[in-house]
Amino acid sequence: MPAKVDDLVLRLEAILFAAGKPLSVKELTDATEAPDFRFVQRAIKKLVRAYDGRATALEVRKVGDRFALQLRETFVPTAHAVTPMELAPRTLKALTLVAYHQPILQSALARMLGDAAYEEVGRLRGLGLVHAEPKGATLELKTTRSFAEYFGLASTQPEAIRAVLEKKLGAAPTAPAGASVSVDTPRPAIDPDEPDGVPRVPEAPAA
């Protein structure tokens, strides 16, 4: 059995590396053609421990109910020096909501965006744009200095960021219709989303 688990660990590592995004246990089970998802769960735990015990810039992180092989947050700024950042519309929307409502609980963001919020938070943390601190059973999210630098903002203070977003959007980004949200920051009730559903944020400065 150990040999099979070790082989599965290596295959899972290869799949997570190639995928470049978080994958569920079911997706990993299907991709490895493992006879039972419990073999994959056991192998994933072993892979997580292996990366935790290595002197490496990479880590295997659980993102919601999925797993991803990604850079540790400490090394994200170093990687950005040679890697252009591209944000998908859904990722951009999640980032805008975090930036405006910060500090915001991940559970509140999930009520705004659904389960996809967990994957997007993992992606934004991996990019170094969002910092997360444990708070009870969830995480408290804030934007980072890298966020301000990337979007050319003069301040990292939440109030200044909100002011820039309101000026750029014409109003405050809000949750989709029908979503129940509980955050500490007051929010205007206007929904400024563009027709394509993607709130606009300041563009990155030209290289």
Protein backbone atom coordinates (compact mmCIF):
# COMPACT_ATOMS: atom_id res chain seq x y z
CA MET A 1 0.00 0.00 0.00
CA PRO A 2 2.72 2.63 0.82
CA ALA A 3 4.21 2.28 -2.65
CA LYS A 4 0.82 2.94 -4.22
CA VAL A 5 0.25 5.96 -2.02
CA ASP A 6 3.71 7.33 -2.83
CA ASP A 7 3.06 6.90 -6.55
CA LEU A 8 -0.30 8.63 -6.16
CA VAL A 9 1.33 11.51 -4.28
CA LEU A 10 3.66 12.13 -7.21
CA ARG A 11 0.83 11.94 -9.72
CA LEU A 12 -1.26 14.36 -7.68
CA GLU A 13 1.67 16.76 -7.53
CA ALA A 14 2.04 16.58 -11.32
CA ILE A 15 -1.69 17.16 -11.87
CA LEU A 16 -1.87 20.16 -9.51
CA PHE A 17 1.23 21.65 -11.15
CA ALA A 18 -0.19 21.23 -14.65
CA ALA A 19 -3.70 22.43 -13.73
CA GLY A 20 -2.59 25.80 -12.40
CA LYS A 21 -5.88 26.09 -10.48
CA PRO A 22 -7.54 24.48 -7.45
CA LEU A 23 -9.03 21.02 -8.02
CA SER A 24 -11.53 19.07 -5.93
CA VAL A 25 -10.91 15.59 -4.54
CA LYS A 26 -13.37 14.25 -7.10
CA GLU A 27 -11.51 15.94 -9.97
CA LEU A 28 -8.22 14.57 -8.65
CA THR A 29 -9.71 11.10 -8.24
CA ASP A 30 -10.98 11.15 -11.82
CA ALA A 31 -7.69 12.51 -13.17
CA THR A 32 -5.60 9.85 -11.41
CA GLU A 33 -8.14 7.07 -12.00
CA ALA A 34 -7.78 6.12 -8.35
CA PRO A 35 -10.11 3.28 -7.29
CA ASP A 36 -11.42 5.24 -4.28
CA PHE A 37 -11.43 8.93 -3.31
CA ARG A 38 -10.08 7.96 0.11
CA PHE A 39 -6.76 7.02 -1.49
CA VAL A 40 -6.61 10.55 -2.94
CA GLN A 41 -7.47 12.16 0.40
CA ARG A 42 -4.69 10.20 2.08
CA ALA A 43 -2.20 11.08 -0.65
CA ILE A 44 -3.15 14.77 -0.58
CA LYS A 45 -2.49 14.92 3.16
CA LYS A 46 0.91 13.34 2.58
CA LEU A 47 1.67 15.85 -0.20
CA VAL A 48 0.68 18.79 2.04
CA ARG A 49 2.98 17.51 4.80
CA ALA A 50 5.80 17.01 2.31
CA TYR A 51 5.62 20.62 1.12
CA ASP A 52 5.30 21.89 4.69
CA GLY A 53 8.53 20.10 5.53
CA ARG A 54 10.50 21.38 2.54
CA ALA A 55 12.52 24.55 2.10
CA THR A 56 10.57 25.56 -1.01
CA ALA A 57 8.72 28.58 -2.40
CA LEU A 58 5.72 26.37 -3.21
CA GLU A 59 2.93 25.00 -1.04
CA VAL A 60 -0.14 22.82 -1.40
CA ARG A 61 -3.03 24.85 -0.02
CA LYS A 62 -6.66 23.98 0.55
CA VAL A 63 -8.90 26.53 -1.17
CA GLY A 64 -12.48 26.02 -0.05
CA ASP A 65 -13.06 22.34 -0.82
CA ARG A 66 -10.28 22.23 -3.43
CA PHE A 67 -6.50 21.96 -3.41
CA ALA A 68 -3.92 24.03 -5.30
CA LEU A 69 -0.17 23.96 -5.79
CA GLN A 70 0.92 27.59 -5.63
CA LEU A 71 3.54 30.06 -4.49
CA ARG A 72 3.82 30.87 -0.82
CA GLU A 73 2.68 34.44 -0.21
CA THR A 74 6.20 35.45 0.85
CA PHE A 75 7.55 34.78 -2.64
CA VAL A 76 4.71 36.31 -4.69
CA PRO A 77 6.35 39.78 -5.03
CA THR A 78 9.53 38.13 -6.34
CA ALA A 79 7.59 36.23 -8.99
CA HIS A 80 5.67 39.34 -10.08
CA ALA A 81 8.94 40.87 -11.29
CA VAL A 82 8.92 38.48 -14.25
CA THR A 83 5.28 37.35 -14.47
CA PRO A 84 2.54 39.63 -15.84
CA MET A 85 -0.66 39.53 -13.82
CA GLU A 86 -3.90 38.69 -15.62
CA LEU A 87 -7.20 38.71 -13.77
CA ALA A 88 -10.28 36.89 -15.02
CA PRO A 89 -13.58 38.82 -14.74
CA ARG A 90 -14.77 36.74 -11.77
CA THR A 91 -11.44 37.22 -9.99
CA LEU A 92 -11.55 40.95 -10.67
CA LYS A 93 -15.07 41.17 -9.25
CA ALA A 94 -14.02 39.36 -6.07
CA LEU A 95 -11.02 41.64 -5.68
CA THR A 96 -13.13 44.75 -6.15
CA LEU A 97 -15.60 43.62 -3.49
CA VAL A 98 -12.78 42.86 -1.04
CA ALA A 99 -11.09 46.19 -1.78
CA TYR A 100 -14.24 48.21 -1.20
CA HIS A 101 -15.73 46.38 1.79
CA GLN A 102 -12.48 45.59 3.61
CA PRO A 103 -12.01 44.32 6.18
CA ILE A 104 -14.52 41.71 5.06
CA LEU A 105 -15.06 38.16 6.24
CA GLN A 106 -14.54 35.41 3.68
CA SER A 107 -17.92 33.99 4.72
CA ALA A 108 -19.55 37.32 3.81
CA LEU A 109 -17.82 37.34 0.44
CA ALA A 110 -19.11 33.80 -0.13
CA ARG A 111 -22.64 35.05 0.47
CA MET A 112 -21.99 37.64 -2.22
CA LEU A 113 -20.39 35.40 -4.83
CA GLY A 114 -21.31 31.86 -3.83
CA ASP A 115 -18.84 29.00 -3.34
CA ALA A 116 -16.62 30.43 -6.09
CA ALA A 117 -15.49 33.03 -3.54
CA TYR A 118 -13.26 30.48 -1.80
CA GLU A 119 -11.41 29.67 -5.01
CA GLU A 120 -11.06 33.34 -5.90
CA VAL A 121 -9.74 34.24 -2.46
CA GLY A 122 -7.15 31.50 -2.80
CA ARG A 123 -6.17 32.85 -6.20
CA LEU A 124 -5.95 36.45 -4.93
CA ARG A 125 -3.88 35.38 -1.94
CA GLY A 126 -1.58 33.48 -4.28
CA LEU A 127 -1.16 36.64 -6.37
CA GLY A 128 -0.32 38.63 -3.26
CA LEU A 129 -3.25 41.02 -3.71
CA VAL A 130 -5.26 39.93 -0.66
CA HIS A 131 -4.11 39.14 2.88
CA ALA A 132 -6.12 36.84 5.14
CA GLU A 133 -6.15 36.58 8.92
CA PRO A 134 -8.04 33.87 10.83
CA LYS A 135 -11.15 35.22 12.53
CA GLY A 136 -13.31 32.67 14.30
CA ALA A 137 -14.26 29.94 11.87
CA THR A 138 -13.50 32.06 8.81
CA LEU A 139 -10.92 34.55 7.48
CA GLU A 140 -10.81 38.33 7.52
CA LEU A 141 -9.71 39.71 4.14
CA LYS A 142 -7.85 42.92 3.30
CA THR A 143 -5.94 44.13 0.26
CA THR A 144 -2.15 44.26 0.42
CA ARG A 145 0.49 46.84 -0.39
CA SER A 146 1.07 44.91 -3.62
CA PHE A 147 -2.57 45.61 -4.56
CA ALA A 148 -2.05 49.36 -4.18
CA GLU A 149 1.26 49.26 -6.04
CA TYR A 150 -0.08 47.18 -8.92
CA PHE A 151 -3.10 49.41 -9.51
CA GLY A 152 -1.11 52.60 -9.02
CA LEU A 153 -2.93 53.77 -5.88
CA ALA A 154 -1.29 56.40 -3.71
CA SER A 155 -2.53 54.94 -0.42
CA THR A 156 -3.04 51.52 1.12
CA GLN A 157 -5.70 52.82 3.54
CA PRO A 158 -9.19 51.29 3.08
CA GLU A 159 -10.88 54.71 3.13
CA ALA A 160 -8.65 56.00 0.32
CA ILE A 161 -9.17 52.83 -1.72
CA ARG A 162 -12.96 53.11 -1.29
CA ALA A 163 -12.84 56.72 -2.46
CA VAL A 164 -10.92 55.74 -5.60
CA LEU A 165 -13.33 52.91 -6.37
CA GLU A 166 -16.39 55.12 -5.89
CA LYS A 167 -14.89 57.72 -8.21
CA LYS A 168 -13.99 55.10 -10.80
CA LEU A 169 -17.27 53.17 -10.57
CA GLY A 170 -19.58 56.10 -9.92
CA ALA A 171 -20.95 54.22 -6.88
CA ALA A 172 -20.04 51.38 -4.55
CA PRO A 173 -19.73 47.74 -5.67
CA THR A 174 -22.47 45.70 -4.03
CA ALA A 175 -23.51 42.08 -3.76
CA PRO A 176 -25.64 40.44 -6.48
CA ALA A 177 -29.38 40.81 -6.08
CA GLY A 178 -30.80 38.62 -3.32
CA ALA A 179 -27.48 38.01 -1.57
CA SER A 180 -27.40 38.34 2.20
CA VAL A 181 -24.29 40.19 3.35
CA SER A 182 -23.01 41.15 6.77
CA VAL A 183 -19.89 43.30 6.91
CA ASP A 184 -18.76 46.11 9.16
CA THR A 185 -18.38 48.77 6.46
CA PRO A 186 -21.47 50.81 5.44
CA ARG A 187 -22.32 50.49 1.75
CA PRO A 188 -24.48 52.55 -0.62
CA ALA A 189 -27.41 50.54 -2.01
CA ILE A 190 -26.66 51.37 -5.66
CA ASP A 191 -25.40 48.55 -7.84
CA PRO A 192 -22.85 50.04 -10.28
CA ASP A 193 -21.91 46.84 -12.11
CA GLU A 194 -21.33 47.28 -15.79
CA PRO A 195 -23.54 45.33 -18.28
CA ASP A 196 -20.99 42.53 -18.42
CA GLY A 197 -21.17 42.17 -14.64
CA VAL A 198 -17.56 43.20 -14.03
CA PRO A 199 -16.90 46.23 -11.83
CA ARG A 200 -14.09 48.43 -13.12
CA VAL A 201 -10.95 49.07 -11.07
CA PRO A 202 -7.97 51.29 -11.86
CA GLU A 203 -5.89 49.84 -14.64
CA ALA A 204 -2.34 48.76 -13.96
CA PRO A 205 0.27 51.38 -14.87
CA ALA A 206 1.95 50.93 -18.23
CA ALA A 207 5.26 49.13 -18.10
